[in-house]
Amino acid sequence: MWSRWNFRHQMRVARQSLTFVNSRLRYEQLCRQIPHLVETRTTTLSENDFYHRADTCSTVPYRLLYIGRLLRAKGVFETVEAVSRLVAAGFDAVLDLVGMLDKADPVLDELITLARSLGIEARVRYHGHKPAGPELLKYYRQADVYVMASQISSEGFPRTIWEAMASSLPVVATEVGSVPAYASDAALLVPPKDALALTQAVRCLLTNPPLRQKLIQKGMALARGNTLEKRAEEMIAEIQHWMAIGQQQS
């Protein structure tokens, strides 16, 4: 009841305001209801955060990376299963997990139990939560493939994908939320909840240097268009335009 009441009041304010939304799905849902709705893209990237390299996967073990909250809905179990399938196929792969835990959910214990049952416990490594900045960027820059296997249909475009692309990481992600619209052809996209498809996509990157290099270049170009500086300029321009219209009407 509170949620519905809150939504009605938010919509009442939004219809009379300049409103920014950071999800393509949400924009498509609301664009006919809110007259002055602007789609923007959430980012943490500054122009000084970019890290250039022509390729990854130059040494073994191949380092797969996931950064974000360790939630079941983020596909972390499918990611561990994909690592197991890769190892069984002869790939020397490890998975680095970085992010915040939900203290009420034993997801990490269950991930470790799963990895142990698959015989890859030593290949799944949890590094804890790291704040944005040099300490977090270090994990992107030493990784070979970024994996984001979210199952959340209302997912926006995770900022971690921007950060991975800005660190010259090829990306494998699921076709959820705003990911297909924003990632375009700069990432390999797979269905959610499909460990086999996830495995095949990562394997494709590990064995196909030209594809890796192409995705790195496209991801870098995409991320360069989504820095804090660019988003701020766009938002300021929209706000100034909105204020100018208000002054003309008054």
Protein backbone atom coordinates (compact mmCIF):
# COMPACT_ATOMS: atom_id res chain seq x y z
CA MET A 1 0.00 0.00 0.00
CA TRP A 2 2.78 2.40 0.87
CA SER A 3 4.61 1.58 -2.35
CA ARG A 4 1.53 2.37 -4.46
CA TRP A 5 0.89 5.58 -2.52
CA ASN A 6 4.52 6.63 -2.94
CA PHE A 7 4.48 5.87 -6.67
CA ARG A 8 1.33 7.96 -7.21
CA HIS A 9 2.88 10.93 -5.44
CA GLN A 10 6.15 10.56 -7.34
CA MET A 11 4.24 10.51 -10.63
CA ARG A 12 2.24 13.58 -9.63
CA VAL A 13 5.46 15.51 -9.04
CA ALA A 14 7.18 14.08 -12.13
CA ARG A 15 4.37 15.15 -14.48
CA GLN A 16 4.98 18.76 -13.48
CA SER A 17 8.79 18.57 -13.47
CA LEU A 18 11.85 17.91 -15.55
CA THR A 19 12.53 14.27 -14.72
CA PHE A 20 15.65 12.18 -15.37
CA VAL A 21 15.56 8.39 -15.55
CA ASN A 22 18.56 6.08 -15.90
CA SER A 23 16.90 2.99 -17.38
CA ARG A 24 15.77 2.44 -20.98
CA LEU A 25 13.02 0.12 -19.77
CA ARG A 26 11.77 2.70 -17.26
CA TYR A 27 11.96 5.43 -19.91
CA GLU A 28 9.84 3.40 -22.31
CA GLN A 29 7.32 2.71 -19.53
CA LEU A 30 6.99 6.36 -18.49
CA CYS A 31 7.67 8.49 -21.57
CA ARG A 32 3.95 8.76 -22.44
CA GLN A 33 2.97 9.61 -18.87
CA ILE A 34 5.64 12.20 -18.03
CA PRO A 35 5.81 15.12 -20.50
CA HIS A 36 9.39 16.18 -19.75
CA LEU A 37 11.25 12.90 -19.29
CA VAL A 38 14.95 12.65 -20.13
CA GLU A 39 16.93 9.41 -20.31
CA THR A 40 20.41 9.56 -18.85
CA ARG A 41 23.02 6.90 -18.03
CA THR A 42 24.49 6.35 -14.62
CA THR A 43 28.27 6.38 -14.48
CA THR A 44 31.17 6.69 -12.07
CA LEU A 45 33.77 7.19 -14.79
CA SER A 46 35.96 10.25 -14.95
CA GLU A 47 38.09 11.03 -17.97
CA ASN A 48 41.15 10.06 -15.90
CA ASP A 49 39.90 6.52 -15.19
CA PHE A 50 40.55 4.97 -18.61
CA TYR A 51 43.14 2.21 -18.97
CA HIS A 52 44.29 1.27 -22.46
CA ARG A 53 45.49 -2.13 -23.63
CA ALA A 54 45.12 -3.77 -27.01
CA ASP A 55 44.20 -7.21 -25.71
CA THR A 56 43.77 -9.44 -22.66
CA CYS A 57 44.24 -13.19 -22.07
CA SER A 58 48.01 -13.01 -22.65
CA THR A 59 48.82 -15.22 -19.65
CA VAL A 60 47.21 -18.00 -17.66
CA PRO A 61 45.25 -18.46 -15.57
CA TYR A 62 42.57 -16.53 -17.43
CA ARG A 63 40.96 -14.23 -14.90
CA LEU A 64 37.20 -13.81 -15.05
CA LEU A 65 35.81 -10.97 -12.96
CA TYR A 66 32.48 -10.06 -11.39
CA ILE A 67 32.08 -6.84 -9.39
CA GLY A 68 28.87 -5.91 -7.60
CA ARG A 69 26.64 -7.04 -4.77
CA LEU A 70 26.76 -10.79 -4.30
CA LEU A 71 23.12 -11.54 -4.94
CA ARG A 72 21.56 -14.70 -6.32
CA ALA A 73 19.73 -12.61 -8.90
CA LYS A 74 23.05 -11.40 -10.27
CA GLY A 75 23.73 -14.86 -11.68
CA VAL A 76 26.74 -15.63 -9.50
CA PHE A 77 25.88 -19.33 -9.29
CA GLU A 78 25.67 -19.60 -13.08
CA THR A 79 29.02 -17.82 -13.28
CA VAL A 80 30.66 -20.36 -10.97
CA GLU A 81 29.13 -23.17 -13.03
CA ALA A 82 30.53 -21.58 -16.20
CA VAL A 83 34.01 -21.57 -14.66
CA SER A 84 33.59 -25.28 -13.87
CA ARG A 85 32.60 -26.03 -17.46
CA LEU A 86 35.59 -24.06 -18.79
CA VAL A 87 38.00 -25.92 -16.52
CA ALA A 88 36.49 -29.25 -17.57
CA ALA A 89 37.11 -28.22 -21.19
CA GLY A 90 40.79 -27.64 -20.44
CA PHE A 91 40.89 -23.88 -19.79
CA ASP A 92 42.99 -22.62 -16.88
CA ALA A 93 40.42 -20.13 -15.56
CA VAL A 94 39.73 -18.48 -12.21
CA LEU A 95 36.91 -16.25 -10.99
CA ASP A 96 37.47 -13.12 -8.89
CA LEU A 97 34.42 -11.85 -7.00
CA VAL A 98 34.44 -8.32 -5.58
CA GLY A 99 31.48 -6.77 -3.83
CA MET A 100 29.25 -6.34 -0.83
CA LEU A 101 27.55 -9.25 0.92
CA ASP A 102 24.03 -9.33 2.29
CA LYS A 103 24.56 -10.45 5.89
CA ALA A 104 21.13 -12.07 5.96
CA ASP A 105 21.87 -14.27 2.94
CA PRO A 106 24.51 -17.05 3.08
CA VAL A 107 25.16 -16.72 -0.66
CA LEU A 108 28.96 -16.74 -0.29
CA ASP A 109 28.90 -19.94 1.77
CA GLU A 110 26.69 -21.54 -0.83
CA LEU A 111 28.96 -20.39 -3.65
CA ILE A 112 31.95 -21.93 -1.90
CA THR A 113 30.00 -25.14 -1.34
CA LEU A 114 29.06 -25.23 -5.03
CA ALA A 115 32.65 -24.57 -6.11
CA ARG A 116 33.87 -27.33 -3.80
CA SER A 117 31.35 -29.79 -5.18
CA LEU A 118 32.51 -28.95 -8.70
CA GLY A 119 36.16 -29.35 -7.75
CA ILE A 120 37.08 -25.69 -8.38
CA GLU A 121 37.08 -24.23 -4.86
CA ALA A 122 40.62 -22.86 -5.27
CA ARG A 123 39.56 -21.14 -8.50
CA VAL A 124 36.76 -19.02 -6.97
CA ARG A 125 38.15 -16.15 -4.91
CA TYR A 126 36.18 -13.58 -2.96
CA HIS A 127 38.05 -10.33 -2.28
CA GLY A 128 35.48 -8.42 -0.25
CA HIS A 129 33.97 -5.02 -0.93
CA LYS A 130 36.25 -2.39 -2.46
CA PRO A 131 35.44 1.33 -2.68
CA ALA A 132 35.34 3.06 -6.05
CA GLY A 133 38.74 4.37 -7.00
CA PRO A 134 42.25 2.97 -7.52
CA GLU A 135 41.70 -0.07 -5.29
CA LEU A 136 38.68 -1.19 -7.31
CA LEU A 137 40.17 -0.29 -10.68
CA LYS A 138 43.08 -2.61 -9.94
CA TYR A 139 40.79 -5.63 -10.26
CA TYR A 140 39.48 -4.52 -13.65
CA ARG A 141 42.96 -3.89 -14.97
CA GLN A 142 44.34 -7.30 -14.03
CA ALA A 143 41.30 -9.24 -15.33
CA ASP A 144 40.84 -10.85 -18.75
CA VAL A 145 37.02 -11.05 -19.14
CA TYR A 146 34.24 -9.28 -17.28
CA VAL A 147 31.11 -11.37 -16.61
CA MET A 148 27.76 -9.92 -15.54
CA ALA A 149 25.08 -12.63 -15.57
CA SER A 150 22.20 -10.73 -13.97
CA GLN A 151 18.70 -12.23 -14.04
CA ILE A 152 16.97 -8.98 -13.06
CA SER A 153 14.52 -8.01 -15.79
CA SER A 154 14.35 -4.41 -14.56
CA GLU A 155 18.15 -4.06 -14.52
CA GLY A 156 19.41 -0.68 -15.65
CA PHE A 157 22.84 -0.64 -17.19
CA PRO A 158 25.22 -1.66 -14.38
CA ARG A 159 27.95 0.92 -13.87
CA THR A 160 30.42 -1.96 -13.57
CA ILE A 161 30.03 -2.66 -17.28
CA TRP A 162 31.09 0.91 -18.05
CA GLU A 163 34.05 0.52 -15.67
CA ALA A 164 35.06 -2.78 -17.29
CA MET A 165 34.91 -1.30 -20.77
CA ALA A 166 36.95 1.70 -19.63
CA SER A 167 39.61 -0.74 -18.40
CA SER A 168 39.86 -2.45 -21.81
CA LEU A 169 37.96 -5.55 -20.67
CA PRO A 170 35.82 -7.58 -23.07
CA VAL A 171 32.38 -8.07 -21.54
CA VAL A 172 29.93 -10.98 -21.43
CA ALA A 173 26.52 -9.95 -20.08
CA THR A 174 22.94 -11.15 -20.02
CA GLU A 175 20.11 -9.74 -22.12
CA VAL A 176 18.24 -8.02 -19.30
CA GLY A 177 16.96 -4.51 -18.64
CA SER A 178 18.83 -1.76 -20.46
CA VAL A 179 21.88 -3.90 -21.24
CA PRO A 180 20.97 -4.77 -24.87
CA ALA A 181 20.01 -1.17 -25.66
CA TYR A 182 23.13 0.39 -24.15
CA ALA A 183 25.76 -2.26 -24.85
CA SER A 184 24.77 -2.59 -28.51
CA ASP A 185 27.48 -4.66 -30.22
CA ALA A 186 30.22 -3.80 -27.71
CA ALA A 187 29.61 -6.94 -25.59
CA LEU A 188 28.63 -10.56 -26.03
CA LEU A 189 25.06 -10.99 -24.77
CA VAL A 190 23.49 -14.25 -23.60
CA PRO A 191 20.12 -15.25 -22.11
CA PRO A 192 19.83 -15.06 -18.32
CA LYS A 193 19.89 -18.25 -16.21
CA ASP A 194 21.77 -20.11 -18.95
CA ALA A 195 25.14 -21.34 -17.67
CA LEU A 196 25.88 -23.18 -20.92
CA ALA A 197 25.39 -20.07 -23.06
CA LEU A 198 27.48 -18.09 -20.59
CA THR A 199 30.25 -20.70 -20.83
CA GLN A 200 30.19 -20.66 -24.62
CA ALA A 201 30.40 -16.87 -24.77
CA VAL A 202 33.38 -16.72 -22.41
CA ARG A 203 35.04 -19.58 -24.28
CA CYS A 204 34.54 -17.69 -27.53
CA LEU A 205 36.39 -14.71 -26.08
CA LEU A 206 39.22 -16.83 -24.68
CA THR A 207 39.85 -18.44 -28.06
CA ASN A 208 39.19 -15.56 -30.46
CA PRO A 209 41.73 -12.70 -30.17
CA PRO A 210 40.27 -10.64 -33.06
CA LEU A 211 36.82 -10.70 -31.43
CA ARG A 212 38.30 -9.77 -28.05
CA GLN A 213 40.19 -6.86 -29.54
CA LYS A 214 37.12 -5.68 -31.45
CA LEU A 215 34.99 -5.69 -28.29
CA ILE A 216 37.72 -3.91 -26.32
CA GLN A 217 37.85 -1.13 -28.91
CA LYS A 218 34.07 -0.78 -29.15
CA GLY A 219 33.65 -0.90 -25.38
CA MET A 220 36.28 1.77 -24.89
CA ALA A 221 34.57 4.06 -27.41
CA LEU A 222 31.20 3.47 -25.76
CA ALA A 223 32.55 4.18 -22.27
CA ARG A 224 34.28 7.36 -23.47
CA GLY A 225 30.86 8.73 -24.33
CA ASN A 226 29.60 8.09 -20.81
CA THR A 227 31.87 9.94 -18.41
CA LEU A 228 30.76 12.02 -15.46
CA GLU A 229 31.88 15.11 -17.34
CA LYS A 230 29.73 14.33 -20.41
CA ARG A 231 26.68 13.30 -18.40
CA ALA A 232 26.95 16.43 -16.24
CA GLU A 233 27.16 18.66 -19.32
CA GLU A 234 24.07 17.04 -20.80
CA MET A 235 22.08 17.30 -17.57
CA ILE A 236 23.06 20.95 -17.09
CA ALA A 237 21.98 21.72 -20.67
CA GLU A 238 18.60 20.04 -20.09
CA ILE A 239 18.09 21.93 -16.82
CA GLN A 240 19.02 25.27 -18.40
CA HIS A 241 16.61 24.60 -21.28
CA TRP A 242 13.86 23.69 -18.81
CA MET A 243 14.43 26.85 -16.80
CA ALA A 244 14.42 28.99 -19.94
CA ILE A 245 11.03 27.55 -20.95
CA GLY A 246 9.70 28.30 -17.46
CA GLN A 247 10.86 31.89 -17.64
CA GLN A 248 9.23 32.35 -21.06
CA GLN A 249 5.94 30.97 -19.79
CA SER A 250 6.00 33.22 -16.71
